[in-house]
Amino acid sequence: MVTAFRPKSHLVRDEMVLSGSRAISNWSELYTGYTGYKMELLEERPRAKLKEEKQRERSNRPLDIPGMKRFLEEQKALLELTIEEFMEVEDID
């Protein structure tokens, strides 16, 4: 199994792609590990943002609409990149 560098913090931008690993890895293991990792990021980032938002509300500060849009767009981009990395098994062989 190939292990790639992964940021220690879920807040660090992750640009991991599978192009270098597909040809030398078991595709099922590769996609399983990749999917699990990306899904953890997609779970941890909104959880951290929710914590921030609760603190903001307790402080009676207004919602940063542009900031929230930016955050949501980043999550959308992460999900889209994850989807793009999946190739049908026939295309890999």
C-alpha atoms as a PDB file:
ATOM      1  CA  MET A   1       0.000   0.000   0.000  1.00  0.00           C
ATOM      2  CA  VAL A   2       1.194   3.503  -0.820  1.00  0.00           C
ATOM      3  CA  THR A   3       0.984   6.091   1.944  1.00  0.00           C
ATOM      4  CA  ALA A   4       0.978   9.715   0.882  1.00  0.00           C
ATOM      5  CA  PHE A   5       1.770  12.814   2.915  1.00  0.00           C
ATOM      6  CA  ARG A   6      -1.314  13.998   4.737  1.00  0.00           C
ATOM      7  CA  PRO A   7      -1.547  17.303   6.593  1.00  0.00           C
ATOM      8  CA  LYS A   8      -1.787  16.847  10.369  1.00  0.00           C
ATOM      9  CA  SER A   9      -4.512  19.464  10.604  1.00  0.00           C
ATOM     10  CA  HIS A  10      -7.841  19.180   8.826  1.00  0.00           C
ATOM     11  CA  LEU A  11      -7.679  22.955   8.379  1.00  0.00           C
ATOM     12  CA  VAL A  12      -4.642  22.755   6.072  1.00  0.00           C
ATOM     13  CA  ARG A  13      -5.539  22.729   2.389  1.00  0.00           C
ATOM     14  CA  ASP A  14      -5.103  19.226   1.023  1.00  0.00           C
ATOM     15  CA  GLU A  15      -4.310  18.786  -2.655  1.00  0.00           C
ATOM     16  CA  MET A  16      -3.634  15.047  -2.615  1.00  0.00           C
ATOM     17  CA  VAL A  17      -4.320  13.354  -5.952  1.00  0.00           C
ATOM     18  CA  LEU A  18      -4.095   9.715  -6.949  1.00  0.00           C
ATOM     19  CA  SER A  19      -2.446  10.029 -10.363  1.00  0.00           C
ATOM     20  CA  GLY A  20       0.946   8.757  -9.187  1.00  0.00           C
ATOM     21  CA  SER A  21      -0.470   5.920  -7.113  1.00  0.00           C
ATOM     22  CA  ARG A  22      -3.055   4.309  -9.386  1.00  0.00           C
ATOM     23  CA  ALA A  23      -0.630   2.313 -11.531  1.00  0.00           C
ATOM     24  CA  ILE A  24       1.265   0.800  -8.598  1.00  0.00           C
ATOM     25  CA  SER A  25      -1.539   0.237  -6.083  1.00  0.00           C
ATOM     26  CA  ASN A  26      -4.403  -2.132  -5.515  1.00  0.00           C
ATOM     27  CA  TRP A  27      -7.253   0.084  -6.706  1.00  0.00           C
ATOM     28  CA  SER A  28      -9.714  -1.154  -4.076  1.00  0.00           C
ATOM     29  CA  GLU A  29      -7.314  -0.432  -1.200  1.00  0.00           C
ATOM     30  CA  LEU A  30      -6.292   2.874  -2.745  1.00  0.00           C
ATOM     31  CA  TYR A  31      -9.839   4.138  -3.237  1.00  0.00           C
ATOM     32  CA  THR A  32     -10.951   2.839   0.160  1.00  0.00           C
ATOM     33  CA  GLY A  33      -8.146   4.684   1.938  1.00  0.00           C
ATOM     34  CA  TYR A  34      -8.572   7.816  -0.157  1.00  0.00           C
ATOM     35  CA  THR A  35     -12.333   7.911   0.348  1.00  0.00           C
ATOM     36  CA  GLY A  36     -12.043   7.378   4.094  1.00  0.00           C
ATOM     37  CA  TYR A  37      -9.460  10.138   4.400  1.00  0.00           C
ATOM     38  CA  LYS A  38     -11.479  12.636   2.351  1.00  0.00           C
ATOM     39  CA  MET A  39     -14.703  11.801   4.195  1.00  0.00           C
ATOM     40  CA  GLU A  40     -12.945  12.398   7.513  1.00  0.00           C
ATOM     41  CA  LEU A  41     -11.899  15.825   6.247  1.00  0.00           C
ATOM     42  CA  LEU A  42     -15.449  16.538   5.120  1.00  0.00           C
ATOM     43  CA  GLU A  43     -16.629  15.580   8.603  1.00  0.00           C
ATOM     44  CA  GLU A  44     -13.976  17.427  10.636  1.00  0.00           C
ATOM     45  CA  ARG A  45     -14.001  20.741   8.782  1.00  0.00           C
ATOM     46  CA  PRO A  46     -17.742  21.460   9.174  1.00  0.00           C
ATOM     47  CA  ARG A  47     -17.562  20.323  12.798  1.00  0.00           C
ATOM     48  CA  ALA A  48     -14.777  22.852  13.469  1.00  0.00           C
ATOM     49  CA  LYS A  49     -16.704  25.547  11.592  1.00  0.00           C
ATOM     50  CA  LEU A  50     -19.832  24.811  13.628  1.00  0.00           C
ATOM     51  CA  LYS A  51     -17.807  25.228  16.825  1.00  0.00           C
ATOM     52  CA  GLU A  52     -16.560  28.607  15.536  1.00  0.00           C
ATOM     53  CA  GLU A  53     -20.097  29.641  14.664  1.00  0.00           C
ATOM     54  CA  LYS A  54     -21.411  28.746  18.114  1.00  0.00           C
ATOM     55  CA  GLN A  55     -18.651  30.857  19.671  1.00  0.00           C
ATOM     56  CA  ARG A  56     -19.525  33.704  17.303  1.00  0.00           C
ATOM     57  CA  GLU A  57     -23.183  33.516  18.321  1.00  0.00           C
ATOM     58  CA  ARG A  58     -22.312  33.537  22.027  1.00  0.00           C
ATOM     59  CA  SER A  59     -20.222  36.654  21.391  1.00  0.00           C
ATOM     60  CA  ASN A  60     -23.179  38.315  19.647  1.00  0.00           C
ATOM     61  CA  ARG A  61     -21.125  38.927  16.510  1.00  0.00           C
ATOM     62  CA  PRO A  62     -22.829  38.999  13.105  1.00  0.00           C
ATOM     63  CA  LEU A  63     -22.451  36.182  10.610  1.00  0.00           C
ATOM     64  CA  ASP A  64     -19.623  36.730   8.129  1.00  0.00           C
ATOM     65  CA  ILE A  65     -21.611  35.894   5.006  1.00  0.00           C
ATOM     66  CA  PRO A  66     -18.678  36.165   2.555  1.00  0.00           C
ATOM     67  CA  GLY A  67     -16.561  34.050   4.906  1.00  0.00           C
ATOM     68  CA  MET A  68     -19.268  31.406   5.232  1.00  0.00           C
ATOM     69  CA  LYS A  69     -19.743  31.302   1.461  1.00  0.00           C
ATOM     70  CA  ARG A  70     -15.984  30.896   1.030  1.00  0.00           C
ATOM     71  CA  PHE A  71     -15.935  28.037   3.554  1.00  0.00           C
ATOM     72  CA  LEU A  72     -18.829  26.254   1.849  1.00  0.00           C
ATOM     73  CA  GLU A  73     -17.236  26.715  -1.591  1.00  0.00           C
ATOM     74  CA  GLU A  74     -14.007  25.182  -0.255  1.00  0.00           C
ATOM     75  CA  GLN A  75     -15.914  22.129   0.994  1.00  0.00           C
ATOM     76  CA  LYS A  76     -17.716  21.862  -2.330  1.00  0.00           C
ATOM     77  CA  ALA A  77     -14.368  22.030  -4.175  1.00  0.00           C
ATOM     78  CA  LEU A  78     -12.929  19.298  -1.935  1.00  0.00           C
ATOM     79  CA  LEU A  79     -15.896  17.064  -2.668  1.00  0.00           C
ATOM     80  CA  GLU A  80     -15.694  17.757  -6.420  1.00  0.00           C
ATOM     81  CA  LEU A  81     -11.950  17.012  -6.464  1.00  0.00           C
ATOM     82  CA  THR A  82     -12.578  13.766  -4.606  1.00  0.00           C
ATOM     83  CA  ILE A  83     -15.200  12.731  -7.166  1.00  0.00           C
ATOM     84  CA  GLU A  84     -12.873  13.611 -10.071  1.00  0.00           C
ATOM     85  CA  GLU A  85     -10.157  11.333  -8.686  1.00  0.00           C
ATOM     86  CA  PHE A  86     -12.346   8.258  -9.083  1.00  0.00           C
ATOM     87  CA  MET A  87     -11.808   6.412 -12.334  1.00  0.00           C
ATOM     88  CA  GLU A  88     -13.595   3.268 -13.421  1.00  0.00           C
ATOM     89  CA  VAL A  89     -11.510   0.158 -12.823  1.00  0.00           C
ATOM     90  CA  GLU A  90     -11.407  -0.658 -16.558  1.00  0.00           C
ATOM     91  CA  ASP A  91      -9.726   2.719 -17.197  1.00  0.00           C
ATOM     92  CA  ILE A  92      -6.921   1.935 -14.753  1.00  0.00           C
ATOM     93  CA  ASP A  93      -5.785  -1.417 -16.148  1.00  0.00           C
END
